[in-house]
Amino acid sequence: MEILSQLLPFVFLIAIMYFVIIRPQQQQAKKHKIMVDTLAKGDKIVTSGGLIVEIKKVEESFFSVKFNNDVEGRLVKEAVARKYEDEA
């Protein structure tokens, strides 16, 4: 019984950390993965480096992207920060 009363604060602290830190991060990672998986040709994205590029082709682990009128390159899917929404 004494061991249980000593471990109870640690169990409570771990539960708080799970609901405040770990679970929200998992949900955010899941949303980001779904967003990356639904990107298609023609979508504009913001890279983790801050560049705004347009997707030209979707590959298995890369995007072929267009930086401007005559510069194209490949971008790993993990480098996508978010989808770019034009400000009207």
Protein backbone atom coordinates (compact mmCIF):
# COMPACT_ATOMS: atom_id res chain seq x y z
CA MET A 1 0.00 0.00 0.00
CA GLU A 2 2.88 2.34 0.77
CA ILE A 3 4.44 1.72 -2.67
CA LEU A 4 1.16 2.58 -4.36
CA SER A 5 0.94 5.89 -2.51
CA GLN A 6 4.52 6.72 -3.55
CA LEU A 7 3.95 5.86 -7.22
CA LEU A 8 0.61 7.63 -7.55
CA PRO A 9 2.11 11.14 -8.05
CA PHE A 10 4.38 9.80 -10.82
CA VAL A 11 1.49 8.10 -12.58
CA PHE A 12 -0.51 11.32 -12.34
CA LEU A 13 2.41 13.34 -13.73
CA ILE A 14 2.86 10.94 -16.67
CA ALA A 15 -0.85 11.14 -17.46
CA ILE A 16 -0.73 14.94 -17.48
CA MET A 17 2.34 14.93 -19.75
CA TYR A 18 0.60 12.55 -22.16
CA PHE A 19 -2.51 14.70 -22.52
CA VAL A 20 -0.67 18.04 -22.60
CA ILE A 21 2.40 17.21 -24.73
CA ILE A 22 2.43 13.82 -26.44
CA ARG A 23 -1.16 13.47 -27.67
CA PRO A 24 -1.39 16.94 -29.29
CA GLN A 25 1.91 16.32 -31.10
CA GLN A 26 0.64 12.99 -32.43
CA GLN A 27 -2.58 14.62 -33.65
CA GLN A 28 -0.65 17.43 -35.35
CA ALA A 29 1.69 14.93 -37.06
CA LYS A 30 -1.31 12.92 -38.28
CA LYS A 31 -2.98 16.05 -39.74
CA HIS A 32 0.29 17.04 -41.45
CA LYS A 33 0.69 13.56 -42.99
CA ILE A 34 -2.88 13.64 -44.31
CA MET A 35 -2.28 17.12 -45.77
CA VAL A 36 0.94 16.00 -47.51
CA ASP A 37 -0.75 12.86 -48.86
CA THR A 38 -3.60 14.88 -50.39
CA LEU A 39 -1.37 17.39 -52.21
CA ALA A 40 -1.68 17.24 -55.99
CA LYS A 41 -0.20 18.76 -59.14
CA GLY A 42 -0.76 22.51 -59.27
CA ASP A 43 -0.96 23.03 -55.49
CA LYS A 44 1.27 25.71 -53.99
CA ILE A 45 3.16 24.83 -50.82
CA VAL A 46 5.48 26.49 -48.36
CA THR A 47 8.65 24.52 -47.65
CA SER A 48 10.25 24.26 -44.22
CA GLY A 49 12.90 26.66 -45.59
CA GLY A 50 10.24 29.26 -46.36
CA LEU A 51 10.12 28.92 -50.16
CA ILE A 52 6.77 29.04 -51.94
CA VAL A 53 6.76 26.49 -54.77
CA GLU A 54 4.22 24.88 -57.09
CA ILE A 55 3.94 21.10 -57.36
CA LYS A 56 4.52 19.83 -60.90
CA LYS A 57 4.55 16.06 -60.23
CA VAL A 58 3.85 13.85 -57.22
CA GLU A 59 6.33 10.99 -56.76
CA GLU A 60 6.60 8.34 -54.05
CA SER A 61 8.81 10.25 -51.63
CA PHE A 62 9.44 13.46 -53.57
CA PHE A 63 7.59 16.29 -55.23
CA SER A 64 8.86 17.73 -58.51
CA VAL A 65 8.38 21.44 -57.93
CA LYS A 66 8.63 24.67 -59.88
CA PHE A 67 10.32 27.59 -58.13
CA ASN A 68 9.67 30.20 -60.82
CA ASN A 69 9.14 30.24 -64.58
CA ASP A 70 12.33 28.38 -65.51
CA VAL A 71 13.68 26.74 -62.36
CA GLU A 72 12.48 23.28 -61.30
CA GLY A 73 13.71 20.87 -58.65
CA ARG A 74 12.78 18.00 -56.38
CA LEU A 75 11.59 18.35 -52.80
CA VAL A 76 11.31 15.60 -50.20
CA LYS A 77 7.83 15.30 -48.76
CA GLU A 78 9.13 15.80 -45.21
CA ALA A 79 10.20 19.36 -46.16
CA VAL A 80 6.63 20.53 -46.73
CA ALA A 81 5.60 22.91 -43.97
CA ARG A 82 2.07 23.77 -45.10
CA LYS A 83 -0.16 24.38 -48.08
CA TYR A 84 0.04 27.94 -49.39
CA GLU A 85 -3.26 29.76 -49.49
CA ASP A 86 -3.34 32.83 -51.74
CA GLU A 87 -4.33 35.92 -49.80
CA ALA A 88 -7.17 37.58 -51.68
